[in-house]
Amino acid sequence: MIVVKAKPSKESIVRLYSVTSPPKRTVAAFAVLLLIILTTLILSIIYYKHGDGDILFVVTGAVMLSATLIFLARILRYPAKRARIVKKNALDLKYTYTFTDADCIFTAEGTGISSRFEQSYSALQKAVYREGWFVVIFGTGAGIAFHENSFTQGTPQQLSAILREKLGKKYKVK
């Protein structure tokens, strides 16, 4: 059994949301979408000026372009925004993460708050070990991040071995 006791910090929150931010392919898809919409907008303007075009094409292109830019801005701001929300709500809690051979048990305790959450390894989405930090993402998309100095029972190497065995390709060391 491996036990980790951690108190959230700004660093742990940034580590967590750097792993859970939208994939680069999502940003690339929006860039392609933006290119298509810009092309449509330009063609609409040309059609409107040199033909019997309708202003509706230009307005539609402008609305689509604006919506795409808003979505792209939200995707690029995702980690920082999530970190601010979590930091505001979770920094006064103390967490205990217990990793057994069968499952993971996560508890949170704070003023007036006590919760316990059990998760099987098969239900974990992924886990990453990078620069002394473990990040574990649940199937729901939520996750935890803790530094290798937080271990009270067991070692980072033991946890790494368990995660490699239980998660296979879903566990990455970077």
N, C-alpha and C. Protein backbone atom coordinates (compact mmCIF):
# COMPACT_ATOMS: atom_id res chain seq x y z
N MET A 1 0.84 -1.17 0.00
CA MET A 1 0.00 0.00 0.00
C MET A 1 0.89 1.24 0.00
N ILE A 2 0.50 2.21 -0.80
CA ILE A 2 1.23 3.46 -0.90
C ILE A 2 0.30 4.59 -0.46
N VAL A 3 0.80 5.46 0.43
CA VAL A 3 -0.01 6.55 0.95
C VAL A 3 0.71 7.87 0.67
N VAL A 4 -0.07 8.81 0.15
CA VAL A 4 0.45 10.15 -0.15
C VAL A 4 -0.45 11.15 0.57
N LYS A 5 0.15 12.06 1.32
CA LYS A 5 -0.61 13.14 1.96
C LYS A 5 -0.16 14.43 1.31
N ALA A 6 -1.12 15.18 0.79
CA ALA A 6 -0.77 16.39 0.05
C ALA A 6 -1.75 17.52 0.36
N LYS A 7 -1.23 18.71 0.31
CA LYS A 7 -2.04 19.92 0.41
C LYS A 7 -1.88 20.63 -0.93
N PRO A 8 -2.98 21.00 -1.57
CA PRO A 8 -2.86 21.63 -2.89
C PRO A 8 -2.03 22.90 -2.84
N SER A 9 -1.26 23.10 -3.87
CA SER A 9 -0.49 24.32 -4.03
C SER A 9 -0.72 24.84 -5.44
N LYS A 10 -0.28 26.04 -5.68
CA LYS A 10 -0.42 26.59 -7.03
C LYS A 10 0.31 25.71 -8.03
N GLU A 11 1.48 25.21 -7.64
CA GLU A 11 2.27 24.35 -8.53
C GLU A 11 1.52 23.06 -8.87
N SER A 12 0.89 22.44 -7.87
CA SER A 12 0.16 21.19 -8.15
C SER A 12 -1.03 21.44 -9.07
N ILE A 13 -1.69 22.57 -8.90
CA ILE A 13 -2.84 22.89 -9.75
C ILE A 13 -2.39 23.13 -11.19
N VAL A 14 -1.30 23.86 -11.35
CA VAL A 14 -0.78 24.11 -12.70
C VAL A 14 -0.36 22.80 -13.36
N ARG A 15 0.30 21.91 -12.60
CA ARG A 15 0.70 20.60 -13.14
C ARG A 15 -0.52 19.80 -13.57
N LEU A 16 -1.54 19.79 -12.74
CA LEU A 16 -2.75 19.03 -13.05
C LEU A 16 -3.39 19.52 -14.34
N TYR A 17 -3.57 20.82 -14.47
CA TYR A 17 -4.28 21.33 -15.64
C TYR A 17 -3.39 21.45 -16.87
N SER A 18 -2.09 21.32 -16.72
CA SER A 18 -1.26 21.25 -17.92
C SER A 18 -1.43 19.88 -18.58
N VAL A 19 -1.78 18.88 -17.79
CA VAL A 19 -2.00 17.54 -18.33
C VAL A 19 -3.42 17.40 -18.87
N THR A 20 -4.39 18.10 -18.26
CA THR A 20 -5.78 17.94 -18.66
C THR A 20 -6.25 18.99 -19.65
N SER A 21 -5.35 19.87 -20.11
CA SER A 21 -5.78 20.88 -21.07
C SER A 21 -6.18 20.20 -22.38
N PRO A 22 -6.94 20.90 -23.19
CA PRO A 22 -7.38 20.28 -24.45
C PRO A 22 -6.20 19.82 -25.29
N PRO A 23 -6.35 18.71 -25.99
CA PRO A 23 -5.25 18.20 -26.80
C PRO A 23 -4.89 19.17 -27.93
N LYS A 24 -3.65 19.09 -28.36
CA LYS A 24 -3.18 19.96 -29.44
C LYS A 24 -3.98 19.76 -30.71
N ARG A 25 -4.47 18.56 -30.93
CA ARG A 25 -5.26 18.33 -32.15
C ARG A 25 -6.56 19.11 -32.12
N THR A 26 -7.09 19.39 -30.93
CA THR A 26 -8.30 20.20 -30.82
C THR A 26 -8.00 21.63 -31.26
N VAL A 27 -6.88 22.16 -30.81
CA VAL A 27 -6.48 23.50 -31.21
C VAL A 27 -6.22 23.53 -32.71
N ALA A 28 -5.58 22.50 -33.25
CA ALA A 28 -5.32 22.42 -34.69
C ALA A 28 -6.63 22.37 -35.47
N ALA A 29 -7.61 21.62 -34.96
CA ALA A 29 -8.91 21.54 -35.63
C ALA A 29 -9.58 22.91 -35.67
N PHE A 30 -9.46 23.67 -34.59
CA PHE A 30 -10.03 25.01 -34.59
C PHE A 30 -9.29 25.93 -35.54
N ALA A 31 -7.99 25.76 -35.68
CA ALA A 31 -7.23 26.57 -36.62
C ALA A 31 -7.69 26.29 -38.05
N VAL A 32 -7.92 25.03 -38.37
CA VAL A 32 -8.42 24.67 -39.69
C VAL A 32 -9.82 25.23 -39.90
N LEU A 33 -10.65 25.12 -38.86
CA LEU A 33 -12.00 25.68 -38.94
C LEU A 33 -11.94 27.19 -39.16
N LEU A 34 -11.04 27.86 -38.47
CA LEU A 34 -10.87 29.29 -38.63
C LEU A 34 -10.47 29.63 -40.07
N LEU A 35 -9.57 28.87 -40.63
CA LEU A 35 -9.14 29.09 -42.01
C LEU A 35 -10.31 28.93 -42.98
N ILE A 36 -11.11 27.91 -42.78
CA ILE A 36 -12.28 27.68 -43.64
C ILE A 36 -13.25 28.85 -43.53
N ILE A 37 -13.48 29.31 -42.31
CA ILE A 37 -14.44 30.40 -42.12
C ILE A 37 -13.91 31.70 -42.71
N LEU A 38 -12.61 31.97 -42.54
CA LEU A 38 -12.03 33.16 -43.16
C LEU A 38 -12.17 33.11 -44.67
N THR A 39 -11.91 31.96 -45.26
CA THR A 39 -12.06 31.80 -46.70
C THR A 39 -13.51 32.05 -47.12
N THR A 40 -14.45 31.49 -46.36
CA THR A 40 -15.87 31.70 -46.64
C THR A 40 -16.24 33.17 -46.54
N LEU A 41 -15.72 33.84 -45.52
CA LEU A 41 -16.01 35.25 -45.33
C LEU A 41 -15.47 36.08 -46.50
N ILE A 42 -14.24 35.81 -46.91
CA ILE A 42 -13.64 36.56 -48.02
C ILE A 42 -14.41 36.32 -49.31
N LEU A 43 -14.76 35.07 -49.58
CA LEU A 43 -15.54 34.76 -50.78
C LEU A 43 -16.92 35.41 -50.74
N SER A 44 -17.51 35.47 -49.53
CA SER A 44 -18.82 36.11 -49.38
C SER A 44 -18.74 37.60 -49.69
N ILE A 45 -17.69 38.25 -49.20
CA ILE A 45 -17.52 39.68 -49.46
C ILE A 45 -17.30 39.93 -50.96
N ILE A 46 -16.45 39.10 -51.57
CA ILE A 46 -16.21 39.25 -53.01
C ILE A 46 -17.51 39.03 -53.78
N TYR A 47 -18.26 38.02 -53.44
CA TYR A 47 -19.53 37.72 -54.10
C TYR A 47 -20.51 38.88 -53.90
N TYR A 48 -20.53 39.45 -52.71
CA TYR A 48 -21.45 40.55 -52.42
C TYR A 48 -21.09 41.79 -53.23
N LYS A 49 -19.80 42.10 -53.34
CA LYS A 49 -19.38 43.32 -54.04
C LYS A 49 -19.47 43.20 -55.55
N HIS A 50 -19.24 42.00 -56.10
CA HIS A 50 -19.16 41.85 -57.55
C HIS A 50 -20.32 41.07 -58.14
N GLY A 51 -21.33 40.86 -57.40
CA GLY A 51 -22.44 40.10 -57.95
C GLY A 51 -23.74 40.55 -57.32
N ASP A 52 -24.72 39.72 -57.48
CA ASP A 52 -26.03 40.01 -56.90
C ASP A 52 -26.12 39.39 -55.52
N GLY A 53 -25.06 39.49 -54.76
CA GLY A 53 -24.97 38.84 -53.46
C GLY A 53 -25.91 39.43 -52.43
N ASP A 54 -26.09 38.70 -51.42
CA ASP A 54 -26.95 39.09 -50.32
C ASP A 54 -26.07 39.37 -49.10
N ILE A 55 -26.40 40.36 -48.33
CA ILE A 55 -25.64 40.72 -47.14
C ILE A 55 -25.67 39.57 -46.11
N LEU A 56 -26.64 38.67 -46.24
CA LEU A 56 -26.76 37.55 -45.31
C LEU A 56 -25.50 36.69 -45.32
N PHE A 57 -24.86 36.51 -46.48
CA PHE A 57 -23.62 35.72 -46.55
C PHE A 57 -22.51 36.37 -45.73
N VAL A 58 -22.39 37.67 -45.83
CA VAL A 58 -21.35 38.39 -45.11
C VAL A 58 -21.62 38.33 -43.60
N VAL A 59 -22.86 38.55 -43.20
CA VAL A 59 -23.22 38.51 -41.78
C VAL A 59 -22.99 37.11 -41.21
N THR A 60 -23.39 36.09 -41.94
CA THR A 60 -23.20 34.71 -41.50
C THR A 60 -21.71 34.40 -41.35
N GLY A 61 -20.91 34.80 -42.30
CA GLY A 61 -19.47 34.58 -42.21
C GLY A 61 -18.87 35.29 -41.00
N ALA A 62 -19.30 36.52 -40.76
CA ALA A 62 -18.78 37.29 -39.61
C ALA A 62 -19.17 36.64 -38.29
N VAL A 63 -20.40 36.17 -38.19
CA VAL A 63 -20.86 35.51 -36.96
C VAL A 63 -20.08 34.22 -36.74
N MET A 64 -19.90 33.43 -37.79
CA MET A 64 -19.14 32.19 -37.66
C MET A 64 -17.69 32.47 -37.26
N LEU A 65 -17.10 33.49 -37.84
CA LEU A 65 -15.73 33.86 -37.50
C LEU A 65 -15.63 34.28 -36.03
N SER A 66 -16.57 35.09 -35.58
CA SER A 66 -16.56 35.54 -34.18
C SER A 66 -16.71 34.37 -33.22
N ALA A 67 -17.64 33.47 -33.51
CA ALA A 67 -17.86 32.31 -32.64
C ALA A 67 -16.60 31.44 -32.58
N THR A 68 -15.95 31.24 -33.71
CA THR A 68 -14.74 30.42 -33.74
C THR A 68 -13.61 31.06 -32.93
N LEU A 69 -13.46 32.36 -33.05
CA LEU A 69 -12.43 33.06 -32.28
C LEU A 69 -12.70 32.97 -30.77
N ILE A 70 -13.96 33.06 -30.38
CA ILE A 70 -14.32 32.94 -28.96
C ILE A 70 -13.99 31.54 -28.46
N PHE A 71 -14.36 30.51 -29.20
CA PHE A 71 -14.07 29.14 -28.79
C PHE A 71 -12.56 28.89 -28.72
N LEU A 72 -11.82 29.41 -29.68
CA LEU A 72 -10.38 29.24 -29.69
C LEU A 72 -9.74 29.91 -28.47
N ALA A 73 -10.21 31.10 -28.15
CA ALA A 73 -9.68 31.80 -26.97
C ALA A 73 -9.97 31.03 -25.70
N ARG A 74 -11.15 30.42 -25.61
CA ARG A 74 -11.49 29.63 -24.42
C ARG A 74 -10.62 28.39 -24.30
N ILE A 75 -10.33 27.75 -25.40
CA ILE A 75 -9.48 26.56 -25.38
C ILE A 75 -8.07 26.93 -24.93
N LEU A 76 -7.53 28.02 -25.44
CA LEU A 76 -6.17 28.41 -25.10
C LEU A 76 -6.06 28.88 -23.65
N ARG A 77 -7.15 29.39 -23.06
CA ARG A 77 -7.14 29.86 -21.68
C ARG A 77 -7.51 28.78 -20.68
N TYR A 78 -7.86 27.59 -21.14
CA TYR A 78 -8.39 26.53 -20.28
C TYR A 78 -7.56 26.24 -19.03
N PRO A 79 -6.25 25.93 -19.14
CA PRO A 79 -5.51 25.58 -17.92
C PRO A 79 -5.48 26.69 -16.88
N ALA A 80 -5.25 27.93 -17.30
CA ALA A 80 -5.17 29.04 -16.35
C ALA A 80 -6.52 29.29 -15.68
N LYS A 81 -7.60 29.21 -16.43
CA LYS A 81 -8.92 29.45 -15.86
C LYS A 81 -9.28 28.36 -14.86
N ARG A 82 -9.05 27.11 -15.22
CA ARG A 82 -9.36 26.01 -14.31
C ARG A 82 -8.51 26.10 -13.03
N ALA A 83 -7.26 26.47 -13.18
CA ALA A 83 -6.38 26.58 -12.02
C ALA A 83 -6.89 27.64 -11.06
N ARG A 84 -7.37 28.76 -11.57
CA ARG A 84 -7.92 29.81 -10.70
C ARG A 84 -9.14 29.32 -9.94
N ILE A 85 -10.03 28.61 -10.61
CA ILE A 85 -11.25 28.10 -9.96
C ILE A 85 -10.89 27.11 -8.86
N VAL A 86 -10.04 26.15 -9.17
CA VAL A 86 -9.67 25.13 -8.18
C VAL A 86 -8.90 25.75 -7.02
N LYS A 87 -7.98 26.65 -7.34
CA LYS A 87 -7.20 27.30 -6.28
C LYS A 87 -8.11 28.00 -5.29
N LYS A 88 -9.12 28.68 -5.79
CA LYS A 88 -10.05 29.41 -4.94
C LYS A 88 -10.82 28.47 -4.02
N ASN A 89 -11.18 27.29 -4.50
CA ASN A 89 -12.06 26.39 -3.76
C ASN A 89 -11.36 25.28 -2.99
N ALA A 90 -10.10 24.96 -3.32
CA ALA A 90 -9.52 23.74 -2.77
C ALA A 90 -8.25 23.91 -1.95
N LEU A 91 -7.72 25.09 -1.84
CA LEU A 91 -6.42 25.22 -1.18
C LEU A 91 -6.47 24.99 0.33
N ASP A 92 -7.63 25.07 0.95
CA ASP A 92 -7.69 24.84 2.40
C ASP A 92 -7.94 23.38 2.75
N LEU A 93 -7.99 22.50 1.77
CA LEU A 93 -8.24 21.07 2.02
C LEU A 93 -6.92 20.31 2.13
N LYS A 94 -6.97 19.20 2.85
CA LYS A 94 -5.84 18.28 2.94
C LYS A 94 -6.28 16.96 2.30
N TYR A 95 -5.44 16.42 1.46
CA TYR A 95 -5.79 15.22 0.72
C TYR A 95 -4.90 14.05 1.12
N THR A 96 -5.51 12.87 1.11
CA THR A 96 -4.77 11.62 1.30
C THR A 96 -5.10 10.71 0.13
N TYR A 97 -4.09 10.26 -0.56
CA TYR A 97 -4.26 9.37 -1.70
C TYR A 97 -3.63 8.04 -1.33
N THR A 98 -4.43 6.97 -1.36
CA THR A 98 -3.96 5.63 -1.01
C THR A 98 -4.07 4.75 -2.25
N PHE A 99 -2.96 4.17 -2.63
CA PHE A 99 -2.91 3.28 -3.79
C PHE A 99 -2.66 1.86 -3.29
N THR A 100 -3.63 0.98 -3.50
CA THR A 100 -3.49 -0.42 -3.10
C THR A 100 -3.34 -1.26 -4.37
N ASP A 101 -3.22 -2.58 -4.20
CA ASP A 101 -3.14 -3.44 -5.38
C ASP A 101 -4.47 -3.49 -6.13
N ALA A 102 -5.58 -3.27 -5.42
CA ALA A 102 -6.90 -3.39 -6.03
C ALA A 102 -7.44 -2.08 -6.58
N ASP A 103 -7.26 -0.98 -5.83
CA ASP A 103 -7.85 0.29 -6.26
C ASP A 103 -7.16 1.48 -5.61
N CYS A 104 -7.69 2.66 -5.92
CA CYS A 104 -7.17 3.91 -5.37
C CYS A 104 -8.25 4.50 -4.47
N ILE A 105 -7.84 5.05 -3.34
CA ILE A 105 -8.78 5.67 -2.41
C ILE A 105 -8.31 7.11 -2.19
N PHE A 106 -9.19 8.05 -2.46
CA PHE A 106 -8.86 9.46 -2.34
C PHE A 106 -9.76 10.08 -1.28
N THR A 107 -9.18 10.74 -0.29
CA THR A 107 -9.96 11.42 0.74
C THR A 107 -9.55 12.88 0.79
N ALA A 108 -10.53 13.72 1.09
CA ALA A 108 -10.30 15.15 1.25
C ALA A 108 -10.92 15.58 2.57
N GLU A 109 -10.16 16.36 3.33
CA GLU A 109 -10.66 16.83 4.61
C GLU A 109 -10.32 18.31 4.76
N GLY A 110 -11.28 19.03 5.30
CA GLY A 110 -11.09 20.45 5.55
C GLY A 110 -12.17 20.92 6.51
N THR A 111 -12.26 22.20 6.68
CA THR A 111 -13.25 22.76 7.59
C THR A 111 -14.65 22.43 7.10
N GLY A 112 -15.34 21.56 7.83
CA GLY A 112 -16.70 21.19 7.48
C GLY A 112 -16.82 20.28 6.27
N ILE A 113 -15.71 19.78 5.75
CA ILE A 113 -15.75 18.94 4.55
C ILE A 113 -14.97 17.66 4.81
N SER A 114 -15.58 16.55 4.45
CA SER A 114 -14.90 15.27 4.49
C SER A 114 -15.49 14.40 3.40
N SER A 115 -14.65 13.96 2.49
CA SER A 115 -15.17 13.11 1.41
C SER A 115 -14.18 11.98 1.12
N ARG A 116 -14.72 10.91 0.59
CA ARG A 116 -13.93 9.73 0.26
C ARG A 116 -14.40 9.24 -1.11
N PHE A 117 -13.44 8.90 -1.95
CA PHE A 117 -13.73 8.50 -3.32
C PHE A 117 -12.85 7.32 -3.67
N GLU A 118 -13.47 6.21 -4.06
CA GLU A 118 -12.70 5.02 -4.47
C GLU A 118 -12.80 4.86 -5.98
N GLN A 119 -11.69 4.49 -6.57
CA GLN A 119 -11.62 4.36 -8.02
C GLN A 119 -10.77 3.14 -8.36
N SER A 120 -11.27 2.29 -9.25
CA SER A 120 -10.46 1.16 -9.71
C SER A 120 -9.45 1.67 -10.74
N TYR A 121 -8.37 0.97 -10.89
CA TYR A 121 -7.35 1.39 -11.85
C TYR A 121 -7.89 1.38 -13.27
N SER A 122 -8.78 0.46 -13.57
CA SER A 122 -9.33 0.38 -14.93
C SER A 122 -10.17 1.61 -15.27
N ALA A 123 -10.67 2.31 -14.27
CA ALA A 123 -11.49 3.49 -14.51
C ALA A 123 -10.67 4.77 -14.62
N LEU A 124 -9.35 4.68 -14.42
CA LEU A 124 -8.51 5.87 -14.56
C LEU A 124 -8.27 6.14 -16.04
N GLN A 125 -8.30 7.41 -16.40
CA GLN A 125 -8.11 7.80 -17.79
C GLN A 125 -6.63 7.76 -18.17
N LYS A 126 -5.78 8.33 -17.30
CA LYS A 126 -4.34 8.30 -17.56
C LYS A 126 -3.59 8.76 -16.31
N ALA A 127 -2.30 8.52 -16.33
CA ALA A 127 -1.41 9.00 -15.27
C ALA A 127 -0.09 9.40 -15.90
N VAL A 128 0.51 10.46 -15.34
CA VAL A 128 1.75 10.99 -15.89
C VAL A 128 2.69 11.27 -14.72
N TYR A 129 3.98 10.93 -14.93
CA TYR A 129 5.02 11.31 -13.97
C TYR A 129 6.00 12.19 -14.72
N ARG A 130 6.15 13.44 -14.25
CA ARG A 130 7.03 14.38 -14.93
C ARG A 130 7.68 15.32 -13.92
N GLU A 131 8.98 15.42 -13.97
CA GLU A 131 9.74 16.36 -13.16
C GLU A 131 9.39 16.28 -11.67
N GLY A 132 9.24 15.06 -11.15
CA GLY A 132 8.96 14.87 -9.74
C GLY A 132 7.50 14.98 -9.35
N TRP A 133 6.62 15.14 -10.31
CA TRP A 133 5.19 15.28 -10.05
C TRP A 133 4.41 14.12 -10.67
N PHE A 134 3.49 13.57 -9.89
CA PHE A 134 2.54 12.58 -10.39
C PHE A 134 1.23 13.30 -10.67
N VAL A 135 0.62 13.00 -11.80
CA VAL A 135 -0.70 13.52 -12.14
C VAL A 135 -1.55 12.32 -12.53
N VAL A 136 -2.69 12.15 -11.86
CA VAL A 136 -3.59 11.03 -12.13
C VAL A 136 -4.94 11.62 -12.54
N ILE A 137 -5.43 11.20 -13.71
CA ILE A 137 -6.70 11.71 -14.24
C ILE A 137 -7.74 10.60 -14.18
N PHE A 138 -8.87 10.90 -13.57
CA PHE A 138 -9.97 9.93 -13.46
C PHE A 138 -10.74 9.88 -14.77
N GLY A 139 -11.61 8.88 -14.89
CA GLY A 139 -12.44 8.74 -16.08
C GLY A 139 -13.37 9.92 -16.29
N THR A 140 -13.68 10.65 -15.22
CA THR A 140 -14.57 11.81 -15.32
C THR A 140 -13.86 13.04 -15.85
N GLY A 141 -12.53 12.98 -15.95
CA GLY A 141 -11.75 14.13 -16.39
C GLY A 141 -11.16 14.91 -15.22
N ALA A 142 -11.66 14.69 -14.02
CA ALA A 142 -11.08 15.32 -12.84
C ALA A 142 -9.77 14.60 -12.53
N GLY A 143 -8.96 15.18 -11.68
CA GLY A 143 -7.70 14.53 -11.39
C GLY A 143 -7.02 15.07 -10.14
N ILE A 144 -5.85 14.50 -9.86
CA ILE A 144 -5.04 14.90 -8.72
C ILE A 144 -3.60 15.08 -9.18
N ALA A 145 -2.87 15.92 -8.46
CA ALA A 145 -1.44 16.11 -8.73
C ALA A 145 -0.72 16.22 -7.39
N PHE A 146 0.41 15.53 -7.27
CA PHE A 146 1.18 15.61 -6.03
C PHE A 146 2.65 15.39 -6.33
N HIS A 147 3.49 15.97 -5.49
CA HIS A 147 4.94 15.89 -5.66
C HIS A 147 5.46 14.60 -5.03
N GLU A 148 6.57 14.12 -5.53
CA GLU A 148 7.14 12.88 -5.01
C GLU A 148 7.59 13.00 -3.56
N ASN A 149 7.73 14.19 -3.02
CA ASN A 149 8.08 14.38 -1.61
C ASN A 149 6.89 14.19 -0.67
N SER A 150 5.70 13.97 -1.22
CA SER A 150 4.48 13.85 -0.41
C SER A 150 4.23 12.44 0.11
N PHE A 151 5.07 11.49 -0.20
CA PHE A 151 4.82 10.09 0.18
C PHE A 151 5.04 9.92 1.69
N THR A 152 4.05 9.32 2.36
CA THR A 152 4.22 8.99 3.78
C THR A 152 4.41 7.49 3.97
N GLN A 153 4.01 6.71 2.98
CA GLN A 153 4.21 5.26 3.00
C GLN A 153 4.47 4.82 1.57
N GLY A 154 5.52 4.08 1.34
CA GLY A 154 5.90 3.67 0.00
C GLY A 154 6.81 4.70 -0.64
N THR A 155 7.19 4.44 -1.88
CA THR A 155 8.11 5.32 -2.60
C THR A 155 7.54 5.68 -3.96
N PRO A 156 8.06 6.73 -4.57
CA PRO A 156 7.63 7.07 -5.93
C PRO A 156 7.90 5.93 -6.92
N GLN A 157 8.99 5.21 -6.72
CA GLN A 157 9.31 4.10 -7.62
C GLN A 157 8.26 2.99 -7.50
N GLN A 158 7.79 2.71 -6.28
CA GLN A 158 6.75 1.70 -6.10
C GLN A 158 5.45 2.12 -6.76
N LEU A 159 5.07 3.39 -6.59
CA LEU A 159 3.84 3.87 -7.23
C LEU A 159 3.99 3.82 -8.74
N SER A 160 5.14 4.21 -9.23
CA SER A 160 5.37 4.17 -10.67
C SER A 160 5.23 2.75 -11.21
N ALA A 161 5.75 1.77 -10.46
CA ALA A 161 5.63 0.37 -10.88
C ALA A 161 4.17 -0.09 -10.88
N ILE A 162 3.41 0.30 -9.85
CA ILE A 162 1.99 -0.08 -9.79
C ILE A 162 1.22 0.56 -10.95
N LEU A 163 1.44 1.84 -11.19
CA LEU A 163 0.73 2.52 -12.28
C LEU A 163 1.10 1.93 -13.63
N ARG A 164 2.37 1.59 -13.82
CA ARG A 164 2.81 0.98 -15.08
C ARG A 164 2.13 -0.38 -15.28
N GLU A 165 2.04 -1.17 -14.20
CA GLU A 165 1.41 -2.48 -14.28
C GLU A 165 -0.09 -2.38 -14.52
N LYS A 166 -0.76 -1.50 -13.78
CA LYS A 166 -2.22 -1.42 -13.84
C LYS A 166 -2.74 -0.64 -15.04
N LEU A 167 -2.00 0.40 -15.47
CA LEU A 167 -2.49 1.26 -16.55
C LEU A 167 -1.87 0.97 -17.91
N GLY A 168 -0.72 0.34 -17.92
CA GLY A 168 -0.08 0.04 -19.20
C GLY A 168 0.28 1.30 -19.97
N LYS A 169 -0.25 1.43 -21.19
CA LYS A 169 0.06 2.58 -22.05
C LYS A 169 -0.56 3.87 -21.55
N LYS A 170 -1.50 3.78 -20.64
CA LYS A 170 -2.13 4.99 -20.10
C LYS A 170 -1.25 5.67 -19.06
N TYR A 171 -0.12 5.05 -18.70
CA TYR A 171 0.83 5.67 -17.77
C TYR A 171 2.06 6.10 -18.53
N LYS A 172 2.43 7.36 -18.40
CA LYS A 172 3.57 7.89 -19.13
C LYS A 172 4.55 8.54 -18.16
N VAL A 173 5.84 8.34 -18.43
CA VAL A 173 6.90 9.02 -17.71
C VAL A 173 7.56 9.96 -18.70
N LYS A 174 7.56 11.25 -18.38
CA LYS A 174 8.12 12.24 -19.33
C LYS A 174 9.30 12.91 -18.72
